[in-house]
Amino acid sequence: MDVVREIVSTRFAEECSQGQYLQEDGTYRQGWRFKSLLGAMYFQMSSLMSYTGKVRVCRAPGCFERVSLEKPEPYFDESLGKYVIPRKPRSDKRVCGKARCKKAYERLNKRTA
């Protein structure tokens, strides 16, 4: 496995880089660039090797926010005057907490069904 990791990390560094992309609304988003299809495949391999199962990407079209599946840390709520222990997110969570992402994901599933 160490040999595979070394090959993937070397080829990943040669074939992949990060860049800025202009979106339709005039803002910029950070993304990945690949020299070839092989570079994109090494990117996928690297992602699979580092996957822990604790973070996903929002499945709504056009959204690339991360969806954390880890339990949040307790925090002190001053309005309540006590510590709050948040619940762990559902393990089948597919989209981030934005309402537009939930609606877009529902529309996508209606179209494909």
PDB file of N, CA and C in Angstrom:
ATOM      1  N   MET A   1       0.824  -1.195   0.000  1.00  0.00           N
ATOM      2  CA  MET A   1       0.000   0.000   0.000  1.00  0.00           C
ATOM      3  C   MET A   1       0.871   1.263   0.000  1.00  0.00           C
ATOM      4  N   ASP A   2       2.046   1.196   0.623  1.00  0.00           N
ATOM      5  CA  ASP A   2       2.947   2.348   0.643  1.00  0.00           C
ATOM      6  C   ASP A   2       3.423   2.709  -0.763  1.00  0.00           C
ATOM      7  N   VAL A   3       3.668   1.693  -1.602  1.00  0.00           N
ATOM      8  CA  VAL A   3       4.112   1.937  -2.970  1.00  0.00           C
ATOM      9  C   VAL A   3       3.000   2.621  -3.766  1.00  0.00           C
ATOM     10  N   VAL A   4       1.770   2.148  -3.591  1.00  0.00           N
ATOM     11  CA  VAL A   4       0.626   2.745  -4.277  1.00  0.00           C
ATOM     12  C   VAL A   4       0.457   4.197  -3.839  1.00  0.00           C
ATOM     13  N   ARG A   5       0.550   4.442  -2.545  1.00  0.00           N
ATOM     14  CA  ARG A   5       0.410   5.802  -2.019  1.00  0.00           C
ATOM     15  C   ARG A   5       1.470   6.720  -2.606  1.00  0.00           C
ATOM     16  N   GLU A   6       2.680   6.237  -2.710  1.00  0.00           N
ATOM     17  CA  GLU A   6       3.781   7.039  -3.270  1.00  0.00           C
ATOM     18  C   GLU A   6       3.543   7.356  -4.745  1.00  0.00           C
ATOM     19  N   ILE A   7       3.110   6.371  -5.519  1.00  0.00           N
ATOM     20  CA  ILE A   7       2.845   6.585  -6.944  1.00  0.00           C
ATOM     21  C   ILE A   7       1.700   7.584  -7.122  1.00  0.00           C
ATOM     22  N   VAL A   8       0.620   7.386  -6.374  1.00  0.00           N
ATOM     23  CA  VAL A   8      -0.540   8.268  -6.507  1.00  0.00           C
ATOM     24  C   VAL A   8      -0.184   9.694  -6.104  1.00  0.00           C
ATOM     25  N   SER A   9       0.543   9.869  -5.016  1.00  0.00           N
ATOM     26  CA  SER A   9       0.879  11.230  -4.582  1.00  0.00           C
ATOM     27  C   SER A   9       1.833  11.919  -5.557  1.00  0.00           C
ATOM     28  N   THR A  10       2.760  11.184  -6.140  1.00  0.00           N
ATOM     29  CA  THR A  10       3.680  11.766  -7.119  1.00  0.00           C
ATOM     30  C   THR A  10       2.942  12.190  -8.384  1.00  0.00           C
ATOM     31  N   ARG A  11       2.131  11.281  -8.921  1.00  0.00           N
ATOM     32  CA  ARG A  11       1.386  11.584 -10.144  1.00  0.00           C
ATOM     33  C   ARG A  11       0.335  12.665  -9.903  1.00  0.00           C
ATOM     34  N   PHE A  12      -0.261  12.667  -8.712  1.00  0.00           N
ATOM     35  CA  PHE A  12      -1.245  13.693  -8.341  1.00  0.00           C
ATOM     36  C   PHE A  12      -0.593  15.075  -8.383  1.00  0.00           C
ATOM     37  N   ALA A  13       0.604  15.194  -7.823  1.00  0.00           N
ATOM     38  CA  ALA A  13       1.318  16.475  -7.819  1.00  0.00           C
ATOM     39  C   ALA A  13       1.681  16.929  -9.236  1.00  0.00           C
ATOM     40  N   GLU A  14       1.979  15.976 -10.127  1.00  0.00           N
ATOM     41  CA  GLU A  14       2.344  16.314 -11.502  1.00  0.00           C
ATOM     42  C   GLU A  14       1.137  16.687 -12.357  1.00  0.00           C
ATOM     43  N   GLU A  15       0.019  16.019 -12.153  1.00  0.00           N
ATOM     44  CA  GLU A  15      -1.123  16.124 -13.052  1.00  0.00           C
ATOM     45  C   GLU A  15      -2.224  17.082 -12.588  1.00  0.00           C
ATOM     46  N   CYS A  16      -2.267  17.439 -11.292  1.00  0.00           N
ATOM     47  CA  CYS A  16      -3.387  18.202 -10.744  1.00  0.00           C
ATOM     48  C   CYS A  16      -2.913  19.519 -10.132  1.00  0.00           C
ATOM     49  N   SER A  17      -3.748  20.535 -10.244  1.00  0.00           N
ATOM     50  CA  SER A  17      -3.481  21.819  -9.593  1.00  0.00           C
ATOM     51  C   SER A  17      -4.813  22.486  -9.276  1.00  0.00           C
ATOM     52  N   GLN A  18      -4.777  23.464  -8.373  1.00  0.00           N
ATOM     53  CA  GLN A  18      -5.985  24.193  -8.023  1.00  0.00           C
ATOM     54  C   GLN A  18      -6.032  25.503  -8.785  1.00  0.00           C
ATOM     55  N   GLY A  19      -7.251  25.980  -9.065  1.00  0.00           N
ATOM     56  CA  GLY A  19      -7.404  27.237  -9.781  1.00  0.00           C
ATOM     57  C   GLY A  19      -8.709  27.917  -9.417  1.00  0.00           C
ATOM     58  N   GLN A  20      -8.855  29.147  -9.879  1.00  0.00           N
ATOM     59  CA  GLN A  20     -10.065  29.938  -9.645  1.00  0.00           C
ATOM     60  C   GLN A  20     -10.935  29.888 -10.904  1.00  0.00           C
ATOM     61  N   TYR A  21     -12.243  29.742 -10.715  1.00  0.00           N
ATOM     62  CA  TYR A  21     -13.178  29.704 -11.833  1.00  0.00           C
ATOM     63  C   TYR A  21     -14.248  30.763 -11.634  1.00  0.00           C
ATOM     64  N   LEU A  22     -14.546  31.515 -12.691  1.00  0.00           N
ATOM     65  CA  LEU A  22     -15.574  32.544 -12.652  1.00  0.00           C
ATOM     66  C   LEU A  22     -16.940  31.884 -12.817  1.00  0.00           C
ATOM     67  N   GLN A  23     -17.857  32.181 -11.884  1.00  0.00           N
ATOM     68  CA  GLN A  23     -19.198  31.628 -11.955  1.00  0.00           C
ATOM     69  C   GLN A  23     -20.121  32.575 -12.706  1.00  0.00           C
ATOM     70  N   GLU A  24     -21.332  32.126 -13.009  1.00  0.00           N
ATOM     71  CA  GLU A  24     -22.293  32.928 -13.767  1.00  0.00           C
ATOM     72  C   GLU A  24     -22.700  34.195 -13.020  1.00  0.00           C
ATOM     73  N   ASP A  25     -22.704  34.151 -11.686  1.00  0.00           N
ATOM     74  CA  ASP A  25     -23.124  35.315 -10.908  1.00  0.00           C
ATOM     75  C   ASP A  25     -21.984  36.316 -10.692  1.00  0.00           C
ATOM     76  N   GLY A  26     -20.825  36.095 -11.288  1.00  0.00           N
ATOM     77  CA  GLY A  26     -19.710  37.032 -11.198  1.00  0.00           C
ATOM     78  C   GLY A  26     -18.747  36.769 -10.054  1.00  0.00           C
ATOM     79  N   THR A  27     -19.010  35.755  -9.234  1.00  0.00           N
ATOM     80  CA  THR A  27     -18.110  35.416  -8.137  1.00  0.00           C
ATOM     81  C   THR A  27     -17.154  34.319  -8.598  1.00  0.00           C
ATOM     82  N   TYR A  28     -16.104  34.136  -7.823  1.00  0.00           N
ATOM     83  CA  TYR A  28     -15.118  33.111  -8.147  1.00  0.00           C
ATOM     84  C   TYR A  28     -15.254  31.926  -7.197  1.00  0.00           C
ATOM     85  N   ARG A  29     -14.973  30.759  -7.710  1.00  0.00           N
ATOM     86  CA  ARG A  29     -14.986  29.530  -6.918  1.00  0.00           C
ATOM     87  C   ARG A  29     -13.680  28.798  -7.156  1.00  0.00           C
ATOM     88  N   GLN A  30     -13.152  28.229  -6.095  1.00  0.00           N
ATOM     89  CA  GLN A  30     -11.911  27.475  -6.216  1.00  0.00           C
ATOM     90  C   GLN A  30     -12.236  26.059  -6.687  1.00  0.00           C
ATOM     91  N   GLY A  31     -11.425  25.543  -7.579  1.00  0.00           N
ATOM     92  CA  GLY A  31     -11.652  24.202  -8.102  1.00  0.00           C
ATOM     93  C   GLY A  31     -10.345  23.556  -8.531  1.00  0.00           C
ATOM     94  N   TRP A  32     -10.459  22.376  -9.126  1.00  0.00           N
ATOM     95  CA  TRP A  32      -9.295  21.613  -9.549  1.00  0.00           C
ATOM     96  C   TRP A  32      -9.119  21.676 -11.053  1.00  0.00           C
ATOM     97  N   ARG A  33      -7.863  21.636 -11.501  1.00  0.00           N
ATOM     98  CA  ARG A  33      -7.494  21.561 -12.907  1.00  0.00           C
ATOM     99  C   ARG A  33      -6.686  20.289 -13.122  1.00  0.00           C
ATOM    100  N   PHE A  34      -6.868  19.687 -14.281  1.00  0.00           N
ATOM    101  CA  PHE A  34      -6.158  18.449 -14.610  1.00  0.00           C
ATOM    102  C   PHE A  34      -5.497  18.588 -15.962  1.00  0.00           C
ATOM    103  N   LYS A  35      -4.279  18.081 -16.093  1.00  0.00           N
ATOM    104  CA  LYS A  35      -3.566  18.132 -17.370  1.00  0.00           C
ATOM    105  C   LYS A  35      -4.162  17.139 -18.360  1.00  0.00           C
ATOM    106  N   SER A  36      -4.736  16.050 -17.837  1.00  0.00           N
ATOM    107  CA  SER A  36      -5.289  15.019 -18.708  1.00  0.00           C
ATOM    108  C   SER A  36      -6.347  14.235 -17.942  1.00  0.00           C
ATOM    109  N   LEU A  37      -6.994  13.325 -18.642  1.00  0.00           N
ATOM    110  CA  LEU A  37      -7.962  12.443 -18.008  1.00  0.00           C
ATOM    111  C   LEU A  37      -7.278  11.576 -16.950  1.00  0.00           C
ATOM    112  N   LEU A  38      -6.064  11.194 -17.204  1.00  0.00           N
ATOM    113  CA  LEU A  38      -5.306  10.404 -16.234  1.00  0.00           C
ATOM    114  C   LEU A  38      -5.118  11.178 -14.924  1.00  0.00           C
ATOM    115  N   GLY A  39      -4.910  12.497 -15.028  1.00  0.00           N
ATOM    116  CA  GLY A  39      -4.795  13.329 -13.834  1.00  0.00           C
ATOM    117  C   GLY A  39      -6.069  13.319 -13.019  1.00  0.00           C
ATOM    118  N   ALA A  40      -7.220  13.377 -13.692  1.00  0.00           N
ATOM    119  CA  ALA A  40      -8.509  13.307 -13.000  1.00  0.00           C
ATOM    120  C   ALA A  40      -8.681  11.946 -12.322  1.00  0.00           C
ATOM    121  N   MET A  41      -8.173  10.906 -12.947  1.00  0.00           N
ATOM    122  CA  MET A  41      -8.266   9.568 -12.350  1.00  0.00           C
ATOM    123  C   MET A  41      -7.381   9.465 -11.109  1.00  0.00           C
ATOM    124  N   TYR A  42      -6.198  10.079 -11.142  1.00  0.00           N
ATOM    125  CA  TYR A  42      -5.349  10.093  -9.950  1.00  0.00           C
ATOM    126  C   TYR A  42      -5.981  10.932  -8.839  1.00  0.00           C
ATOM    127  N   PHE A  43      -6.679  11.993  -9.211  1.00  0.00           N
ATOM    128  CA  PHE A  43      -7.412  12.785  -8.225  1.00  0.00           C
ATOM    129  C   PHE A  43      -8.474  11.926  -7.536  1.00  0.00           C
ATOM    130  N   GLN A  44      -9.224  11.154  -8.318  1.00  0.00           N
ATOM    131  CA  GLN A  44     -10.237  10.260  -7.750  1.00  0.00           C
ATOM    132  C   GLN A  44      -9.605   9.205  -6.845  1.00  0.00           C
ATOM    133  N   MET A  45      -8.497   8.639  -7.280  1.00  0.00           N
ATOM    134  CA  MET A  45      -7.810   7.619  -6.479  1.00  0.00           C
ATOM    135  C   MET A  45      -7.337   8.215  -5.168  1.00  0.00           C
ATOM    136  N   SER A  46      -6.784   9.411  -5.212  1.00  0.00           N
ATOM    137  CA  SER A  46      -6.330  10.080  -3.992  1.00  0.00           C
ATOM    138  C   SER A  46      -7.500  10.347  -3.054  1.00  0.00           C
ATOM    139  N   SER A  47      -8.637  10.774  -3.610  1.00  0.00           N
ATOM    140  CA  SER A  47      -9.824  11.024  -2.795  1.00  0.00           C
ATOM    141  C   SER A  47     -10.318   9.737  -2.146  1.00  0.00           C
ATOM    142  N   LEU A  48     -10.322   8.655  -2.889  1.00  0.00           N
ATOM    143  CA  LEU A  48     -10.775   7.371  -2.334  1.00  0.00           C
ATOM    144  C   LEU A  48      -9.835   6.864  -1.244  1.00  0.00           C
ATOM    145  N   MET A  49      -8.532   7.076  -1.429  1.00  0.00           N
ATOM    146  CA  MET A  49      -7.570   6.605  -0.431  1.00  0.00           C
ATOM    147  C   MET A  49      -7.674   7.391   0.870  1.00  0.00           C
ATOM    148  N   SER A  50      -8.066   8.666   0.784  1.00  0.00           N
ATOM    149  CA  SER A  50      -8.137   9.498   1.989  1.00  0.00           C
ATOM    150  C   SER A  50      -9.543   9.571   2.575  1.00  0.00           C
ATOM    151  N   TYR A  51     -10.515   8.872   1.987  1.00  0.00           N
ATOM    152  CA  TYR A  51     -11.900   8.924   2.456  1.00  0.00           C
ATOM    153  C   TYR A  51     -12.025   8.273   3.828  1.00  0.00           C
ATOM    154  N   THR A  52     -12.649   9.002   4.756  1.00  0.00           N
ATOM    155  CA  THR A  52     -12.844   8.474   6.108  1.00  0.00           C
ATOM    156  C   THR A  52     -14.303   8.146   6.394  1.00  0.00           C
ATOM    157  N   GLY A  53     -15.212   8.611   5.559  1.00  0.00           N
ATOM    158  CA  GLY A  53     -16.629   8.366   5.784  1.00  0.00           C
ATOM    159  C   GLY A  53     -17.268   9.382   6.705  1.00  0.00           C
ATOM    160  N   LYS A  54     -16.533  10.419   7.114  1.00  0.00           N
ATOM    161  CA  LYS A  54     -17.060  11.404   8.044  1.00  0.00           C
ATOM    162  C   LYS A  54     -17.476  12.698   7.365  1.00  0.00           C
ATOM    163  N   VAL A  55     -17.155  12.860   6.081  1.00  0.00           N
ATOM    164  CA  VAL A  55     -17.504  14.069   5.345  1.00  0.00           C
ATOM    165  C   VAL A  55     -17.988  13.673   3.955  1.00  0.00           C
ATOM    166  N   ARG A  56     -19.047  14.322   3.496  1.00  0.00           N
ATOM    167  CA  ARG A  56     -19.557  14.124   2.144  1.00  0.00           C
ATOM    168  C   ARG A  56     -19.641  15.469   1.453  1.00  0.00           C
ATOM    169  N   VAL A  57     -19.902  15.441   0.167  1.00  0.00           N
ATOM    170  CA  VAL A  57     -20.139  16.659  -0.601  1.00  0.00           C
ATOM    171  C   VAL A  57     -21.631  16.727  -0.887  1.00  0.00           C
ATOM    172  N   CYS A  58     -22.201  17.913  -0.774  1.00  0.00           N
ATOM    173  CA  CYS A  58     -23.627  18.133  -1.025  1.00  0.00           C
ATOM    174  C   CYS A  58     -23.977  17.627  -2.420  1.00  0.00           C
ATOM    175  N   ARG A  59     -25.064  16.869  -2.532  1.00  0.00           N
ATOM    176  CA  ARG A  59     -25.452  16.276  -3.813  1.00  0.00           C
ATOM    177  C   ARG A  59     -26.388  17.156  -4.640  1.00  0.00           C
ATOM    178  N   ALA A  60     -26.694  18.349  -4.152  1.00  0.00           N
ATOM    179  CA  ALA A  60     -27.528  19.260  -4.928  1.00  0.00           C
ATOM    180  C   ALA A  60     -26.738  19.759  -6.122  1.00  0.00           C
ATOM    181  N   PRO A  61     -27.392  19.924  -7.278  1.00  0.00           N
ATOM    182  CA  PRO A  61     -26.666  20.392  -8.466  1.00  0.00           C
ATOM    183  C   PRO A  61     -26.065  21.773  -8.248  1.00  0.00           C
ATOM    184  N   GLY A  62     -24.777  21.920  -8.551  1.00  0.00           N
ATOM    185  CA  GLY A  62     -24.097  23.204  -8.446  1.00  0.00           C
ATOM    186  C   GLY A  62     -23.572  23.554  -7.068  1.00  0.00           C
ATOM    187  N   CYS A  63     -23.830  22.736  -6.067  1.00  0.00           N
ATOM    188  CA  CYS A  63     -23.347  23.013  -4.709  1.00  0.00           C
ATOM    189  C   CYS A  63     -22.217  22.039  -4.380  1.00  0.00           C
ATOM    190  N   PHE A  64     -21.128  22.569  -3.855  1.00  0.00           N
ATOM    191  CA  PHE A  64     -19.984  21.727  -3.518  1.00  0.00           C
ATOM    192  C   PHE A  64     -19.607  21.877  -2.051  1.00  0.00           C
ATOM    193  N   GLU A  65     -20.585  22.252  -1.216  1.00  0.00           N
ATOM    194  CA  GLU A  65     -20.344  22.395   0.217  1.00  0.00           C
ATOM    195  C   GLU A  65     -20.107  21.018   0.838  1.00  0.00           C
ATOM    196  N   ARG A  66     -19.350  21.014   1.910  1.00  0.00           N
ATOM    197  CA  ARG A  66     -19.109  19.768   2.620  1.00  0.00           C
ATOM    198  C   ARG A  66     -20.222  19.516   3.633  1.00  0.00           C
ATOM    199  N   VAL A  67     -20.635  18.256   3.726  1.00  0.00           N
ATOM    200  CA  VAL A  67     -21.655  17.842   4.683  1.00  0.00           C
ATOM    201  C   VAL A  67     -20.948  16.967   5.707  1.00  0.00           C
ATOM    202  N   SER A  68     -20.796  17.487   6.917  1.00  0.00           N
ATOM    203  CA  SER A  68     -20.084  16.752   7.956  1.00  0.00           C
ATOM    204  C   SER A  68     -21.016  15.745   8.626  1.00  0.00           C
ATOM    205  N   LEU A  69     -20.514  14.549   8.856  1.00  0.00           N
ATOM    206  CA  LEU A  69     -21.279  13.520   9.552  1.00  0.00           C
ATOM    207  C   LEU A  69     -20.763  13.291  10.967  1.00  0.00           C
ATOM    208  N   GLU A  70     -19.817  14.130  11.411  1.00  0.00           N
ATOM    209  CA  GLU A  70     -19.275  14.015  12.759  1.00  0.00           C
ATOM    210  C   GLU A  70     -20.164  14.749  13.750  1.00  0.00           C
ATOM    211  N   LYS A  71     -20.133  14.304  14.986  1.00  0.00           N
ATOM    212  CA  LYS A  71     -20.914  14.960  16.022  1.00  0.00           C
ATOM    213  C   LYS A  71     -20.268  16.292  16.371  1.00  0.00           C
ATOM    214  N   PRO A  72     -21.056  17.402  16.359  1.00  0.00           N
ATOM    215  CA  PRO A  72     -20.492  18.711  16.693  1.00  0.00           C
ATOM    216  C   PRO A  72     -20.087  18.785  18.167  1.00  0.00           C
ATOM    217  N   GLU A  73     -19.166  19.691  18.451  1.00  0.00           N
ATOM    218  CA  GLU A  73     -18.710  19.892  19.828  1.00  0.00           C
ATOM    219  C   GLU A  73     -19.779  20.633  20.637  1.00  0.00           C
ATOM    220  N   PRO A  74     -19.892  20.329  21.943  1.00  0.00           N
ATOM    221  CA  PRO A  74     -20.814  21.094  22.795  1.00  0.00           C
ATOM    222  C   PRO A  74     -20.386  22.555  22.863  1.00  0.00           C
ATOM    223  N   TYR A  75     -21.353  23.443  23.032  1.00  0.00           N
ATOM    224  CA  TYR A  75     -21.056  24.868  23.106  1.00  0.00           C
ATOM    225  C   TYR A  75     -21.943  25.520  24.160  1.00  0.00           C
ATOM    226  N   PHE A  76     -21.526  26.691  24.622  1.00  0.00           N
ATOM    227  CA  PHE A  76     -22.280  27.427  25.632  1.00  0.00           C
ATOM    228  C   PHE A  76     -23.211  28.403  24.945  1.00  0.00           C
ATOM    229  N   ASP A  77     -24.507  28.273  25.197  1.00  0.00           N
ATOM    230  CA  ASP A  77     -25.518  29.180  24.638  1.00  0.00           C
ATOM    231  C   ASP A  77     -25.854  30.217  25.699  1.00  0.00           C
ATOM    232  N   GLU A  78     -25.471  31.473  25.431  1.00  0.00           N
ATOM    233  CA  GLU A  78     -25.669  32.529  26.424  1.00  0.00           C
ATOM    234  C   GLU A  78     -27.140  32.851  26.635  1.00  0.00           C
ATOM    235  N   SER A  79     -27.974  32.699  25.601  1.00  0.00           N
ATOM    236  CA  SER A  79     -29.400  32.996  25.765  1.00  0.00           C
ATOM    237  C   SER A  79     -30.074  31.984  26.703  1.00  0.00           C
ATOM    238  N   LEU A  80     -29.597  30.741  26.687  1.00  0.00           N
ATOM    239  CA  LEU A  80     -30.140  29.725  27.588  1.00  0.00           C
ATOM    240  C   LEU A  80     -29.388  29.685  28.914  1.00  0.00           C
ATOM    241  N   GLY A  81     -28.143  30.141  28.886  1.00  0.00           N
ATOM    242  CA  GLY A  81     -27.325  30.129  30.087  1.00  0.00           C
ATOM    243  C   GLY A  81     -26.795  28.762  30.456  1.00  0.00           C
ATOM    244  N   LYS A  82     -26.641  27.882  29.466  1.00  0.00           N
ATOM    245  CA  LYS A  82     -26.126  26.539  29.748  1.00  0.00           C
ATOM    246  C   LYS A  82     -25.423  25.974  28.513  1.00  0.00           C
ATOM    247  N   TYR A  83     -24.735  24.859  28.713  1.00  0.00           N
ATOM    248  CA  TYR A  83     -24.073  24.167  27.614  1.00  0.00           C
ATOM    249  C   TYR A  83     -25.108  23.363  26.826  1.00  0.00           C
ATOM    250  N   VAL A  84     -24.965  23.385  25.505  1.00  0.00           N
ATOM    251  CA  VAL A  84     -25.850  22.648  24.616  1.00  0.00           C
ATOM    252  C   VAL A  84     -25.035  21.542  23.966  1.00  0.00           C
ATOM    253  N   ILE A  85     -25.562  20.338  23.990  1.00  0.00           N
ATOM    254  CA  ILE A  85     -24.900  19.205  23.343  1.00  0.00           C
ATOM    255  C   ILE A  85     -25.683  18.890  22.072  1.00  0.00           C
ATOM    256  N   PRO A  86     -25.151  19.266  20.896  1.00  0.00           N
ATOM    257  CA  PRO A  86     -25.872  19.038  19.641  1.00  0.00           C
ATOM    258  C   PRO A  86     -25.966  17.553  19.299  1.00  0.00           C
ATOM    259  N   ARG A  87     -26.986  17.224  18.529  1.00  0.00           N
ATOM    260  CA  ARG A  87     -27.150  15.843  18.069  1.00  0.00           C
ATOM    261  C   ARG A  87     -26.191  15.537  16.931  1.00  0.00           C
ATOM    262  N   LYS A  88     -25.877  14.270  16.779  1.00  0.00           N
ATOM    263  CA  LYS A  88     -25.062  13.813  15.659  1.00  0.00           C
ATOM    264  C   LYS A  88     -25.933  13.818  14.406  1.00  0.00           C
ATOM    265  N   PRO A  89     -25.413  14.307  13.268  1.00  0.00           N
ATOM    266  CA  PRO A  89     -26.211  14.306  12.033  1.00  0.00           C
ATOM    267  C   PRO A  89     -26.574  12.894  11.602  1.00  0.00           C
ATOM    268  N   ARG A  90     -27.659  12.782  10.867  1.00  0.00           N
ATOM    269  CA  ARG A  90     -28.077  11.474  10.352  1.00  0.00           C
ATOM    270  C   ARG A  90     -27.017  10.921   9.405  1.00  0.00           C
ATOM    271  N   SER A  91     -26.845   9.627   9.416  1.00  0.00           N
ATOM    272  CA  SER A  91     -25.819   9.014   8.573  1.00  0.00           C
ATOM    273  C   SER A  91     -26.215   8.994   7.101  1.00  0.00           C
ATOM    274  N   ASP A  92     -27.496   9.188   6.797  1.00  0.00           N
ATOM    275  CA  ASP A  92     -27.938   9.190   5.404  1.00  0.00           C
ATOM    276  C   ASP A  92     -28.128  10.601   4.851  1.00  0.00           C
ATOM    277  N   LYS A  93     -27.558  11.600   5.500  1.00  0.00           N
ATOM    278  CA  LYS A  93     -27.682  12.986   5.070  1.00  0.00           C
ATOM    279  C   LYS A  93     -27.004  13.173   3.717  1.00  0.00           C
ATOM    280  N   ARG A  94     -27.722  13.781   2.763  1.00  0.00           N
ATOM    281  CA  ARG A  94     -27.219  13.913   1.396  1.00  0.00           C
ATOM    282  C   ARG A  94     -26.883  15.350   1.001  1.00  0.00           C
ATOM    283  N   VAL A  95     -27.596  16.335   1.582  1.00  0.00           N
ATOM    284  CA  VAL A  95     -27.397  17.732   1.190  1.00  0.00           C
ATOM    285  C   VAL A  95     -27.032  18.567   2.406  1.00  0.00           C
ATOM    286  N   CYS A  96     -26.441  19.746   2.126  1.00  0.00           N
ATOM    287  CA  CYS A  96     -26.112  20.670   3.206  1.00  0.00           C
ATOM    288  C   CYS A  96     -27.408  21.272   3.764  1.00  0.00           C
ATOM    289  N   GLY A  97     -27.318  22.139   4.725  1.00  0.00           N
ATOM    290  CA  GLY A  97     -28.502  22.668   5.390  1.00  0.00           C
ATOM    291  C   GLY A  97     -29.226  23.778   4.664  1.00  0.00           C
ATOM    292  N   LYS A  98     -28.775  24.186   3.494  1.00  0.00           N
ATOM    293  CA  LYS A  98     -29.403  25.284   2.763  1.00  0.00           C
ATOM    294  C   LYS A  98     -30.725  24.828   2.137  1.00  0.00           C
ATOM    295  N   ALA A  99     -31.742  25.690   2.246  1.00  0.00           N
ATOM    296  CA  ALA A  99     -33.068  25.360   1.715  1.00  0.00           C
ATOM    297  C   ALA A  99     -33.038  25.191   0.202  1.00  0.00           C
ATOM    298  N   ARG A 100     -32.230  26.019  -0.497  1.00  0.00           N
ATOM    299  CA  ARG A 100     -32.182  25.920  -1.962  1.00  0.00           C
ATOM    300  C   ARG A 100     -31.580  24.588  -2.404  1.00  0.00           C
ATOM    301  N   CYS A 101     -30.650  24.061  -1.601  1.00  0.00           N
ATOM    302  CA  CYS A 101     -30.045  22.769  -1.951  1.00  0.00           C
ATOM    303  C   CYS A 101     -31.046  21.629  -1.754  1.00  0.00           C
ATOM    304  N   LYS A 102     -31.837  21.719  -0.699  1.00  0.00           N
ATOM    305  CA  LYS A 102     -32.845  20.683  -0.459  1.00  0.00           C
ATOM    306  C   LYS A 102     -33.858  20.654  -1.596  1.00  0.00           C
ATOM    307  N   LYS A 103     -34.312  21.847  -2.026  1.00  0.00           N
ATOM    308  CA  LYS A 103     -35.286  21.914  -3.120  1.00  0.00           C
ATOM    309  C   LYS A 103     -34.683  21.434  -4.429  1.00  0.00           C
ATOM    310  N   ALA A 104     -33.459  21.829  -4.714  1.00  0.00           N
ATOM    311  CA  ALA A 104     -32.797  21.411  -5.957  1.00  0.00           C
ATOM    312  C   ALA A 104     -32.598  19.900  -5.983  1.00  0.00           C
ATOM    313  N   TYR A 105     -32.250  19.314  -4.848  1.00  0.00           N
ATOM    314  CA  TYR A 105     -32.059  17.860  -4.771  1.00  0.00           C
ATOM    315  C   TYR A 105     -33.391  17.139  -4.967  1.00  0.00           C
ATOM    316  N   GLU A 106     -34.470  17.685  -4.396  1.00  0.00           N
ATOM    317  CA  GLU A 106     -35.794  17.083  -4.580  1.00  0.00           C
ATOM    318  C   GLU A 106     -36.216  17.161  -6.046  1.00  0.00           C
ATOM    319  N   ARG A 107     -35.998  18.318  -6.706  1.00  0.00           N
ATOM    320  CA  ARG A 107     -36.345  18.456  -8.123  1.00  0.00           C
ATOM    321  C   ARG A 107     -35.551  17.477  -8.985  1.00  0.00           C
ATOM    322  N   LEU A 108     -34.263  17.305  -8.655  1.00  0.00           N
ATOM    323  CA  LEU A 108     -33.426  16.373  -9.403  1.00  0.00           C
ATOM    324  C   LEU A 108     -33.940  14.950  -9.269  1.00  0.00           C
ATOM    325  N   ASN A 109     -34.346  14.568  -8.070  1.00  0.00           N
ATOM    326  CA  ASN A 109     -34.858  13.201  -7.859  1.00  0.00           C
ATOM    327  C   ASN A 109     -36.205  12.987  -8.529  1.00  0.00           C
ATOM    328  N   LYS A 110     -37.038  14.023  -8.617  1.00  0.00           N
ATOM    329  CA  LYS A 110     -38.322  13.889  -9.306  1.00  0.00           C
ATOM    330  C   LYS A 110     -38.116  13.684 -10.800  1.00  0.00           C
ATOM    331  N   ARG A 111     -37.126  14.401 -11.369  1.00  0.00           N
ATOM    332  CA  ARG A 111     -36.842  14.277 -12.796  1.00  0.00           C
ATOM    333  C   ARG A 111     -36.310  12.898 -13.161  1.00  0.00           C
ATOM    334  N   THR A 112     -35.454  12.350 -12.303  1.00  0.00           N
ATOM    335  CA  THR A 112     -34.810  11.065 -12.629  1.00  0.00           C
ATOM    336  C   THR A 112     -35.681   9.878 -12.279  1.00  0.00           C
ATOM    337  N   ALA A 113     -36.734  10.085 -11.493  1.00  0.00           N
ATOM    338  CA  ALA A 113     -37.597   8.958 -11.084  1.00  0.00           C
ATOM    339  C   ALA A 113     -38.539   8.527 -12.166  1.00  0.00           C
TER     340      ALA A 113
END
